[in-house]
Amino acid sequence: MLRAFKLGAAAALACAVGDCSYFDFGFLSSPAPAPSPASSFRVLPPDPLIGKWGVASYRDAKDRPAAEKLARERCANPYLIVKGPTDGAMMNVAEDPDLHELALKRSGDGKTYVGFNAPPGDPADREIVELTPKLMAMRFVDPDKFGRYGTSVYVKC
């Protein structure tokens, strides 16, 4: 009990002379603000992403049927998404040929994203605009990347 008191006193002293924003003293601290929809999120199992996919992209909505057809044709040489070592999905990111473990995340406003361990809607994320067992469509959050790559369509092989 005395040790816990000493640790608490040391933390309070450190807070008094430094930045205490990362300490939580319970009854001594004010209540935390309610999370905003952008900051509250949950990581989802990557299972809907795992598998073999044909991939294509389009920029104009009228070109989507042709992109889906091309994606089905690309199942002859599918893009493989596998589960990563910490239950993410191993995928490529823009302008990087290496695979990275990405999280499937749902924001407080109900949107779903794929990206690194950051709040949903991060500029490096892709927003999933459609996800069914046979088809996935996603677009980059970053407007510059979205302008270059358009909307990607993944068709399950």
C-alpha atoms as a PDB file:
ATOM      1  CA  MET A   1       0.000   0.000   0.000  1.00  0.00           C
ATOM      2  CA  LEU A   2       2.849   2.365   0.880  1.00  0.00           C
ATOM      3  CA  ARG A   3       4.530   1.539  -2.457  1.00  0.00           C
ATOM      4  CA  ALA A   4       1.356   2.437  -4.403  1.00  0.00           C
ATOM      5  CA  PHE A   5       1.194   5.729  -2.492  1.00  0.00           C
ATOM      6  CA  LYS A   6       4.836   6.485  -3.337  1.00  0.00           C
ATOM      7  CA  LEU A   7       4.237   5.699  -7.026  1.00  0.00           C
ATOM      8  CA  GLY A   8       1.165   7.942  -7.050  1.00  0.00           C
ATOM      9  CA  ALA A   9       3.070  10.728  -5.332  1.00  0.00           C
ATOM     10  CA  ALA A  10       5.926  10.387  -7.851  1.00  0.00           C
ATOM     11  CA  ALA A  11       3.467  10.583 -10.745  1.00  0.00           C
ATOM     12  CA  ALA A  12       1.798  13.651  -9.218  1.00  0.00           C
ATOM     13  CA  LEU A  13       5.197  15.323  -8.795  1.00  0.00           C
ATOM     14  CA  ALA A  14       6.122  14.521 -12.399  1.00  0.00           C
ATOM     15  CA  CYS A  15       2.804  15.989 -13.478  1.00  0.00           C
ATOM     16  CA  ALA A  16       3.394  19.142 -11.442  1.00  0.00           C
ATOM     17  CA  VAL A  17       6.738  19.834 -13.130  1.00  0.00           C
ATOM     18  CA  GLY A  18       5.966  18.466 -16.576  1.00  0.00           C
ATOM     19  CA  ASP A  19       3.156  17.585 -18.924  1.00  0.00           C
ATOM     20  CA  CYS A  20       0.467  15.502 -17.227  1.00  0.00           C
ATOM     21  CA  SER A  21      -1.752  15.007 -20.258  1.00  0.00           C
ATOM     22  CA  TYR A  22      -0.841  11.327 -20.377  1.00  0.00           C
ATOM     23  CA  PHE A  23      -1.528  10.608 -16.704  1.00  0.00           C
ATOM     24  CA  ASP A  24      -4.951   9.479 -15.518  1.00  0.00           C
ATOM     25  CA  PHE A  25      -5.497  10.069 -11.827  1.00  0.00           C
ATOM     26  CA  GLY A  26      -9.127   9.032 -11.841  1.00  0.00           C
ATOM     27  CA  PHE A  27     -10.784  11.226  -9.230  1.00  0.00           C
ATOM     28  CA  LEU A  28      -8.103  13.932  -9.631  1.00  0.00           C
ATOM     29  CA  SER A  29      -8.568  14.394 -13.352  1.00  0.00           C
ATOM     30  CA  SER A  30     -11.460  15.982 -15.137  1.00  0.00           C
ATOM     31  CA  PRO A  31     -13.673  13.682 -17.212  1.00  0.00           C
ATOM     32  CA  ALA A  32     -12.386  12.977 -20.710  1.00  0.00           C
ATOM     33  CA  PRO A  33     -14.275  14.679 -23.504  1.00  0.00           C
ATOM     34  CA  ALA A  34     -16.684  12.497 -25.449  1.00  0.00           C
ATOM     35  CA  PRO A  35     -14.961  11.048 -28.522  1.00  0.00           C
ATOM     36  CA  SER A  36     -15.842  12.607 -31.842  1.00  0.00           C
ATOM     37  CA  PRO A  37     -17.038  10.308 -34.637  1.00  0.00           C
ATOM     38  CA  ALA A  38     -13.638  10.623 -36.331  1.00  0.00           C
ATOM     39  CA  SER A  39     -11.665   9.712 -33.204  1.00  0.00           C
ATOM     40  CA  SER A  40     -13.848   6.834 -32.033  1.00  0.00           C
ATOM     41  CA  PHE A  41     -13.369   3.751 -34.108  1.00  0.00           C
ATOM     42  CA  ARG A  42     -12.981   0.036 -33.919  1.00  0.00           C
ATOM     43  CA  VAL A  43     -10.762  -2.368 -35.781  1.00  0.00           C
ATOM     44  CA  LEU A  44     -12.647  -5.153 -37.536  1.00  0.00           C
ATOM     45  CA  PRO A  45     -11.481  -8.656 -38.424  1.00  0.00           C
ATOM     46  CA  PRO A  46      -9.939  -8.578 -41.920  1.00  0.00           C
ATOM     47  CA  ASP A  47     -11.797 -11.716 -43.040  1.00  0.00           C
ATOM     48  CA  PRO A  48     -13.914  -9.986 -45.740  1.00  0.00           C
ATOM     49  CA  LEU A  49     -10.681  -8.812 -47.420  1.00  0.00           C
ATOM     50  CA  ILE A  50      -8.833 -12.139 -47.357  1.00  0.00           C
ATOM     51  CA  GLY A  51      -8.731 -14.052 -50.621  1.00  0.00           C
ATOM     52  CA  LYS A  52      -7.883 -13.898 -54.304  1.00  0.00           C
ATOM     53  CA  TRP A  53      -9.113 -10.821 -56.170  1.00  0.00           C
ATOM     54  CA  GLY A  54      -9.143  -9.485 -59.692  1.00  0.00           C
ATOM     55  CA  VAL A  55      -8.430  -5.749 -59.561  1.00  0.00           C
ATOM     56  CA  ALA A  56      -9.105  -2.820 -61.875  1.00  0.00           C
ATOM     57  CA  SER A  57      -9.973   0.857 -61.418  1.00  0.00           C
ATOM     58  CA  TYR A  58     -12.108   3.583 -62.909  1.00  0.00           C
ATOM     59  CA  ARG A  59     -12.443   7.350 -62.595  1.00  0.00           C
ATOM     60  CA  ASP A  60     -15.921   7.931 -64.004  1.00  0.00           C
ATOM     61  CA  ALA A  61     -18.963   6.023 -62.667  1.00  0.00           C
ATOM     62  CA  LYS A  62     -20.040   5.148 -66.223  1.00  0.00           C
ATOM     63  CA  ASP A  63     -16.794   3.131 -66.574  1.00  0.00           C
ATOM     64  CA  ARG A  64     -17.466   0.910 -63.568  1.00  0.00           C
ATOM     65  CA  PRO A  65     -19.064  -2.009 -65.494  1.00  0.00           C
ATOM     66  CA  ALA A  66     -16.021  -2.182 -67.787  1.00  0.00           C
ATOM     67  CA  ALA A  67     -13.704  -2.055 -64.748  1.00  0.00           C
ATOM     68  CA  GLU A  68     -15.597  -4.919 -63.100  1.00  0.00           C
ATOM     69  CA  LYS A  69     -15.310  -6.961 -66.314  1.00  0.00           C
ATOM     70  CA  LEU A  70     -11.578  -6.269 -66.498  1.00  0.00           C
ATOM     71  CA  ALA A  71     -11.191  -7.213 -62.820  1.00  0.00           C
ATOM     72  CA  ARG A  72     -12.918 -10.573 -63.500  1.00  0.00           C
ATOM     73  CA  GLU A  73     -10.515 -11.188 -66.392  1.00  0.00           C
ATOM     74  CA  ARG A  74      -7.585 -10.450 -64.083  1.00  0.00           C
ATOM     75  CA  CYS A  75      -8.568 -13.408 -61.905  1.00  0.00           C
ATOM     76  CA  ALA A  76      -6.258 -15.364 -64.232  1.00  0.00           C
ATOM     77  CA  ASN A  77      -3.457 -13.636 -62.275  1.00  0.00           C
ATOM     78  CA  PRO A  78      -5.178 -12.651 -58.993  1.00  0.00           C
ATOM     79  CA  TYR A  79      -4.103 -10.178 -56.346  1.00  0.00           C
ATOM     80  CA  LEU A  80      -3.756 -12.140 -53.102  1.00  0.00           C
ATOM     81  CA  ILE A  81      -4.731 -10.646 -49.743  1.00  0.00           C
ATOM     82  CA  VAL A  82      -3.679 -12.768 -46.771  1.00  0.00           C
ATOM     83  CA  LYS A  83      -4.034 -12.362 -43.019  1.00  0.00           C
ATOM     84  CA  GLY A  84      -1.045 -10.649 -41.425  1.00  0.00           C
ATOM     85  CA  PRO A  85       0.860 -11.663 -38.296  1.00  0.00           C
ATOM     86  CA  THR A  86      -1.202  -9.376 -36.031  1.00  0.00           C
ATOM     87  CA  ASP A  87      -4.606 -10.062 -37.650  1.00  0.00           C
ATOM     88  CA  GLY A  88      -4.482  -7.296 -40.243  1.00  0.00           C
ATOM     89  CA  ALA A  89      -4.597  -7.733 -44.014  1.00  0.00           C
ATOM     90  CA  MET A  90      -1.370  -7.857 -46.020  1.00  0.00           C
ATOM     91  CA  MET A  91      -1.814  -5.400 -48.893  1.00  0.00           C
ATOM     92  CA  ASN A  92       0.061  -2.907 -51.023  1.00  0.00           C
ATOM     93  CA  VAL A  93      -0.215   0.818 -50.419  1.00  0.00           C
ATOM     94  CA  ALA A  94       0.105   3.624 -52.964  1.00  0.00           C
ATOM     95  CA  GLU A  95       3.536   4.105 -54.506  1.00  0.00           C
ATOM     96  CA  ASP A  96       5.108   1.214 -52.567  1.00  0.00           C
ATOM     97  CA  PRO A  97       5.641  -2.265 -54.024  1.00  0.00           C
ATOM     98  CA  ASP A  98       6.043  -3.854 -50.572  1.00  0.00           C
ATOM     99  CA  LEU A  99       3.197  -5.478 -48.678  1.00  0.00           C
ATOM    100  CA  HIS A 100       2.122  -3.839 -45.424  1.00  0.00           C
ATOM    101  CA  GLU A 101      -0.193  -5.069 -42.719  1.00  0.00           C
ATOM    102  CA  LEU A 102      -3.269  -2.866 -42.820  1.00  0.00           C
ATOM    103  CA  ALA A 103      -6.285  -2.683 -40.537  1.00  0.00           C
ATOM    104  CA  LEU A 104      -9.934  -2.779 -41.483  1.00  0.00           C
ATOM    105  CA  LYS A 105     -11.455   0.016 -39.379  1.00  0.00           C
ATOM    106  CA  ARG A 106     -14.932   1.404 -38.846  1.00  0.00           C
ATOM    107  CA  SER A 107     -15.344   5.045 -37.853  1.00  0.00           C
ATOM    108  CA  GLY A 108     -17.952   6.399 -35.481  1.00  0.00           C
ATOM    109  CA  ASP A 109     -19.952   7.697 -38.445  1.00  0.00           C
ATOM    110  CA  GLY A 110     -20.235   4.173 -39.936  1.00  0.00           C
ATOM    111  CA  LYS A 111     -17.687   4.487 -42.749  1.00  0.00           C
ATOM    112  CA  THR A 112     -15.176   1.675 -43.246  1.00  0.00           C
ATOM    113  CA  TYR A 113     -11.518   2.190 -44.121  1.00  0.00           C
ATOM    114  CA  VAL A 114      -8.396   0.162 -44.831  1.00  0.00           C
ATOM    115  CA  GLY A 115      -5.128   1.620 -43.630  1.00  0.00           C
ATOM    116  CA  PHE A 116      -2.351   1.785 -41.105  1.00  0.00           C
ATOM    117  CA  ASN A 117      -2.905   1.922 -37.353  1.00  0.00           C
ATOM    118  CA  ALA A 118      -4.299   5.463 -37.328  1.00  0.00           C
ATOM    119  CA  PRO A 119      -7.793   6.849 -36.873  1.00  0.00           C
ATOM    120  CA  PRO A 120     -10.132   6.160 -39.803  1.00  0.00           C
ATOM    121  CA  GLY A 121     -10.067   8.746 -42.543  1.00  0.00           C
ATOM    122  CA  ASP A 122      -6.309   9.242 -42.326  1.00  0.00           C
ATOM    123  CA  PRO A 123      -4.956  10.596 -45.655  1.00  0.00           C
ATOM    124  CA  ALA A 124      -3.147   7.282 -46.270  1.00  0.00           C
ATOM    125  CA  ASP A 125      -6.407   5.306 -45.868  1.00  0.00           C
ATOM    126  CA  ARG A 126      -8.714   3.955 -48.519  1.00  0.00           C
ATOM    127  CA  GLU A 127     -12.440   4.236 -47.878  1.00  0.00           C
ATOM    128  CA  ILE A 128     -14.426   1.119 -48.697  1.00  0.00           C
ATOM    129  CA  VAL A 129     -17.441   2.377 -50.610  1.00  0.00           C
ATOM    130  CA  GLU A 130     -18.898  -1.083 -51.279  1.00  0.00           C
ATOM    131  CA  LEU A 131     -18.223  -4.487 -49.781  1.00  0.00           C
ATOM    132  CA  THR A 132     -20.084  -7.692 -50.587  1.00  0.00           C
ATOM    133  CA  PRO A 133     -18.837 -11.290 -50.468  1.00  0.00           C
ATOM    134  CA  LYS A 134     -18.018 -11.076 -54.202  1.00  0.00           C
ATOM    135  CA  LEU A 135     -17.044  -7.425 -54.750  1.00  0.00           C
ATOM    136  CA  MET A 136     -15.182  -4.616 -53.015  1.00  0.00           C
ATOM    137  CA  ALA A 137     -14.796  -1.015 -54.175  1.00  0.00           C
ATOM    138  CA  MET A 138     -12.528   1.477 -52.447  1.00  0.00           C
ATOM    139  CA  ARG A 139     -11.021   4.890 -53.028  1.00  0.00           C
ATOM    140  CA  PHE A 140      -8.155   6.820 -51.478  1.00  0.00           C
ATOM    141  CA  VAL A 141      -9.003   9.448 -48.894  1.00  0.00           C
ATOM    142  CA  ASP A 142      -6.156  11.685 -50.117  1.00  0.00           C
ATOM    143  CA  PRO A 143      -7.585  13.714 -53.041  1.00  0.00           C
ATOM    144  CA  ASP A 144      -4.287  13.640 -54.961  1.00  0.00           C
ATOM    145  CA  LYS A 145      -4.055   9.831 -54.786  1.00  0.00           C
ATOM    146  CA  PHE A 146      -7.743   9.513 -55.601  1.00  0.00           C
ATOM    147  CA  GLY A 147      -7.160  11.691 -58.657  1.00  0.00           C
ATOM    148  CA  ARG A 148      -4.309   9.451 -59.823  1.00  0.00           C
ATOM    149  CA  TYR A 149      -5.801   6.033 -59.021  1.00  0.00           C
ATOM    150  CA  GLY A 150      -9.567   6.523 -59.137  1.00  0.00           C
ATOM    151  CA  THR A 151     -11.840   3.967 -57.491  1.00  0.00           C
ATOM    152  CA  SER A 152     -10.462   0.441 -57.279  1.00  0.00           C
ATOM    153  CA  VAL A 153     -12.781  -2.497 -57.911  1.00  0.00           C
ATOM    154  CA  TYR A 154     -11.894  -5.900 -56.484  1.00  0.00           C
ATOM    155  CA  VAL A 155     -13.825  -8.926 -57.777  1.00  0.00           C
ATOM    156  CA  LYS A 156     -13.521 -12.161 -55.774  1.00  0.00           C
ATOM    157  CA  CYS A 157     -11.955 -14.918 -57.871  1.00  0.00           C
END
